[in-house]
N, C-alpha and C. Protein backbone atom coordinates (compact mmCIF):
# COMPACT_ATOMS: atom_id res chain seq x y z
N MET A 1 107.04 311.35 178.17
CA MET A 1 106.91 312.25 179.30
C MET A 1 105.94 311.62 180.30
N THR A 2 106.31 311.62 181.56
CA THR A 2 105.44 311.04 182.57
C THR A 2 104.44 312.06 183.06
N CYS A 3 103.42 311.56 183.71
CA CYS A 3 102.37 312.43 184.22
C CYS A 3 102.93 313.41 185.26
N HIS A 4 103.85 312.96 186.09
CA HIS A 4 104.39 313.82 187.14
C HIS A 4 105.13 315.03 186.58
N SER A 5 105.72 314.89 185.41
CA SER A 5 106.44 316.03 184.85
C SER A 5 105.51 316.98 184.10
N THR A 6 104.28 316.55 183.80
CA THR A 6 103.35 317.44 183.11
C THR A 6 102.60 318.34 184.08
N LEU A 7 102.57 317.97 185.35
CA LEU A 7 101.82 318.76 186.33
C LEU A 7 102.68 319.11 187.55
N PRO A 8 103.81 319.77 187.38
CA PRO A 8 104.65 320.04 188.54
C PRO A 8 104.01 321.05 189.48
N GLY A 9 103.77 320.62 190.71
CA GLY A 9 103.25 321.52 191.72
C GLY A 9 101.88 322.07 191.45
N SER A 10 101.11 321.45 190.58
CA SER A 10 99.81 322.01 190.24
C SER A 10 98.69 321.49 191.10
N ALA A 11 98.93 320.48 191.92
CA ALA A 11 97.87 319.91 192.73
C ALA A 11 98.39 319.66 194.14
N PRO A 12 97.48 319.69 195.12
CA PRO A 12 97.88 319.37 196.49
C PRO A 12 98.40 317.94 196.59
N ALA A 13 99.19 317.68 197.61
CA ALA A 13 99.73 316.33 197.81
C ALA A 13 98.61 315.31 197.88
N GLY A 14 98.79 314.20 197.24
CA GLY A 14 97.78 313.15 197.24
C GLY A 14 96.83 313.22 196.07
N VAL A 15 96.69 314.38 195.48
CA VAL A 15 95.78 314.53 194.35
C VAL A 15 96.47 314.17 193.04
N GLU A 16 97.76 314.47 192.95
CA GLU A 16 98.49 314.21 191.71
C GLU A 16 98.47 312.74 191.30
N PRO A 17 98.66 311.78 192.23
CA PRO A 17 98.57 310.38 191.81
C PRO A 17 97.20 310.02 191.24
N ALA A 18 96.15 310.59 191.79
CA ALA A 18 94.81 310.32 191.27
C ALA A 18 94.65 310.89 189.87
N ILE A 19 95.21 312.07 189.63
CA ILE A 19 95.14 312.67 188.30
C ILE A 19 95.92 311.81 187.31
N CYS A 20 97.10 311.36 187.72
CA CYS A 20 97.91 310.50 186.85
C CYS A 20 97.17 309.21 186.52
N HIS A 21 96.52 308.64 187.52
CA HIS A 21 95.75 307.41 187.30
C HIS A 21 94.64 307.67 186.28
N GLY A 22 94.00 308.82 186.37
CA GLY A 22 92.95 309.16 185.40
C GLY A 22 93.49 309.26 183.99
N PHE A 23 94.67 309.88 183.84
CA PHE A 23 95.28 309.97 182.51
C PHE A 23 95.64 308.58 181.98
N ASP A 24 96.14 307.72 182.88
CA ASP A 24 96.47 306.35 182.47
C ASP A 24 95.22 305.60 182.02
N ARG A 25 94.15 305.74 182.78
CA ARG A 25 92.88 305.08 182.41
C ARG A 25 92.36 305.62 181.08
N LEU A 26 92.46 306.93 180.88
CA LEU A 26 92.00 307.54 179.64
C LEU A 26 92.80 307.03 178.45
N ARG A 27 94.10 306.96 178.61
CA ARG A 27 94.95 306.46 177.52
C ARG A 27 94.61 305.00 177.20
N GLU A 28 94.43 304.17 178.23
CA GLU A 28 94.10 302.77 178.01
C GLU A 28 92.75 302.62 177.31
N ALA A 29 91.75 303.39 177.76
CA ALA A 29 90.43 303.31 177.14
C ALA A 29 90.48 303.75 175.68
N ALA A 30 91.25 304.79 175.39
CA ALA A 30 91.37 305.26 174.01
C ALA A 30 92.09 304.21 173.15
N ASP A 31 93.14 303.60 173.70
CA ASP A 31 93.88 302.57 172.97
C ASP A 31 93.01 301.36 172.67
N GLN A 32 92.12 301.02 173.60
CA GLN A 32 91.26 299.85 173.43
C GLN A 32 90.01 300.16 172.61
N GLY A 33 89.76 301.44 172.34
CA GLY A 33 88.59 301.83 171.56
C GLY A 33 87.30 301.84 172.37
N TRP A 34 87.42 301.98 173.69
CA TRP A 34 86.24 302.00 174.56
C TRP A 34 85.71 303.44 174.62
N LEU A 35 84.91 303.82 173.65
CA LEU A 35 84.47 305.21 173.53
C LEU A 35 83.61 305.66 174.71
N GLY A 36 82.74 304.77 175.19
CA GLY A 36 81.92 305.12 176.36
C GLY A 36 82.76 305.37 177.59
N GLU A 37 83.77 304.55 177.77
CA GLU A 37 84.68 304.71 178.91
C GLU A 37 85.49 306.00 178.77
N VAL A 38 85.91 306.31 177.56
CA VAL A 38 86.64 307.56 177.31
C VAL A 38 85.78 308.76 177.71
N ALA A 39 84.52 308.75 177.28
CA ALA A 39 83.62 309.86 177.62
C ALA A 39 83.41 309.96 179.12
N ALA A 40 83.23 308.82 179.79
CA ALA A 40 83.01 308.83 181.23
C ALA A 40 84.23 309.34 181.98
N ILE A 41 85.40 308.92 181.56
CA ILE A 41 86.64 309.36 182.22
C ILE A 41 86.86 310.85 181.99
N GLU A 42 86.61 311.32 180.77
CA GLU A 42 86.76 312.75 180.49
C GLU A 42 85.81 313.58 181.34
N THR A 43 84.57 313.10 181.50
CA THR A 43 83.59 313.81 182.33
C THR A 43 84.05 313.85 183.78
N ALA A 44 84.50 312.71 184.29
CA ALA A 44 84.96 312.64 185.67
C ALA A 44 86.18 313.53 185.90
N MET A 45 87.09 313.55 184.94
CA MET A 45 88.29 314.37 185.09
C MET A 45 87.96 315.86 185.01
N ALA A 46 86.98 316.23 184.19
CA ALA A 46 86.56 317.63 184.13
C ALA A 46 85.93 318.06 185.45
N ALA A 47 85.10 317.19 186.03
CA ALA A 47 84.49 317.50 187.32
C ALA A 47 85.55 317.61 188.41
N ALA A 48 86.53 316.73 188.37
CA ALA A 48 87.62 316.77 189.36
C ALA A 48 88.43 318.06 189.21
N ALA A 49 88.65 318.49 187.98
CA ALA A 49 89.39 319.74 187.76
C ALA A 49 88.62 320.93 188.31
N GLN A 50 87.30 320.94 188.13
CA GLN A 50 86.48 322.02 188.68
C GLN A 50 86.53 322.01 190.21
N LYS A 51 86.46 320.84 190.80
CA LYS A 51 86.52 320.72 192.25
C LYS A 51 87.88 321.18 192.77
N LEU A 52 88.93 320.81 192.09
CA LEU A 52 90.28 321.22 192.49
C LEU A 52 90.43 322.73 192.41
N GLU A 53 89.88 323.34 191.38
CA GLU A 53 89.94 324.80 191.24
C GLU A 53 89.16 325.47 192.37
N ALA A 54 87.99 324.92 192.72
CA ALA A 54 87.21 325.46 193.83
C ALA A 54 87.98 325.34 195.15
N MET A 55 88.69 324.23 195.33
CA MET A 55 89.50 324.06 196.53
C MET A 55 90.63 325.08 196.58
N ARG A 56 91.25 325.34 195.44
CA ARG A 56 92.34 326.35 195.40
C ARG A 56 91.80 327.74 195.72
N GLU A 57 90.64 328.07 195.15
CA GLU A 57 90.05 329.39 195.42
C GLU A 57 89.70 329.53 196.89
N ARG A 58 89.15 328.47 197.48
CA ARG A 58 88.78 328.50 198.90
C ARG A 58 90.02 328.64 199.77
N ALA A 59 91.09 327.95 199.41
CA ALA A 59 92.32 328.02 200.19
C ALA A 59 92.96 329.41 200.10
N ALA A 60 92.72 330.13 199.02
CA ALA A 60 93.30 331.46 198.84
C ALA A 60 92.55 332.52 199.63
N GLN A 61 91.35 332.21 200.08
CA GLN A 61 90.56 333.18 200.84
C GLN A 61 91.06 333.25 202.28
N PRO A 62 90.92 334.41 202.91
CA PRO A 62 91.34 334.50 204.31
C PRO A 62 90.50 333.55 205.17
N SER A 63 91.14 332.96 206.17
CA SER A 63 90.44 331.97 206.98
C SER A 63 89.80 332.56 208.23
N THR A 64 90.04 333.83 208.50
CA THR A 64 89.42 334.45 209.67
C THR A 64 88.43 335.51 209.23
N VAL A 65 87.45 335.71 210.06
CA VAL A 65 86.42 336.72 209.79
C VAL A 65 86.52 337.78 210.87
N ARG A 66 86.61 339.01 210.47
CA ARG A 66 86.70 340.11 211.43
C ARG A 66 85.30 340.46 211.91
N LEU A 67 85.05 340.21 213.18
CA LEU A 67 83.73 340.46 213.74
C LEU A 67 83.62 341.80 214.45
N GLY A 68 84.74 342.41 214.77
CA GLY A 68 84.70 343.69 215.46
C GLY A 68 84.45 343.50 216.95
N MET A 69 84.32 344.61 217.65
CA MET A 69 84.07 344.57 219.09
C MET A 69 82.57 344.65 219.34
N PRO A 70 82.09 343.89 220.32
CA PRO A 70 80.66 343.98 220.63
C PRO A 70 80.34 345.32 221.29
N ASP A 71 79.16 345.82 221.04
CA ASP A 71 78.72 347.08 221.61
C ASP A 71 77.71 346.75 222.71
N ILE A 72 78.13 346.94 223.97
CA ILE A 72 77.23 346.59 225.07
C ILE A 72 76.50 347.81 225.63
N ARG A 73 76.67 348.95 225.00
CA ARG A 73 76.03 350.16 225.53
C ARG A 73 74.52 350.04 225.55
N SER A 74 73.94 349.33 224.59
CA SER A 74 72.49 349.22 224.56
C SER A 74 71.95 348.29 225.64
N THR A 75 72.79 347.46 226.24
CA THR A 75 72.31 346.53 227.26
C THR A 75 72.70 346.95 228.67
N VAL A 76 73.57 347.94 228.83
CA VAL A 76 74.00 348.38 230.15
C VAL A 76 72.82 349.03 230.86
N GLY A 77 72.57 348.59 232.08
CA GLY A 77 71.50 349.18 232.87
C GLY A 77 70.13 348.61 232.57
N ARG A 78 70.04 347.70 231.64
CA ARG A 78 68.75 347.11 231.30
C ARG A 78 68.38 346.09 232.37
N ILE A 79 67.16 346.15 232.83
CA ILE A 79 66.69 345.22 233.84
C ILE A 79 65.78 344.21 233.16
N THR A 80 66.04 342.95 233.46
CA THR A 80 65.18 341.91 232.89
C THR A 80 64.19 341.47 233.94
N PRO A 81 62.95 341.23 233.55
CA PRO A 81 61.94 340.79 234.53
C PRO A 81 62.28 339.39 235.03
N GLU A 82 61.99 339.19 236.31
CA GLU A 82 62.23 337.88 236.89
C GLU A 82 61.07 336.96 236.53
N PRO A 83 61.35 335.69 236.32
CA PRO A 83 60.26 334.76 235.94
C PRO A 83 59.32 334.44 237.07
């Protein structure tokens, strides 16, 4: 099974190749017995997954903020002193 079929539509465009590359690096490090490299790659991939989740949550939030109408009643008729 290829990496692309394990993560269909789960990441924004451009991110999936990076995830696949991480899985490839992890598999190679495990095959070669590079335990330190395995731990480093797992840590980096976990951090990337957290960042990706934060990006998804941010994208799901509304992008506009309702500010309402300004109330100018308190400033109408106010005279400011001249310098």
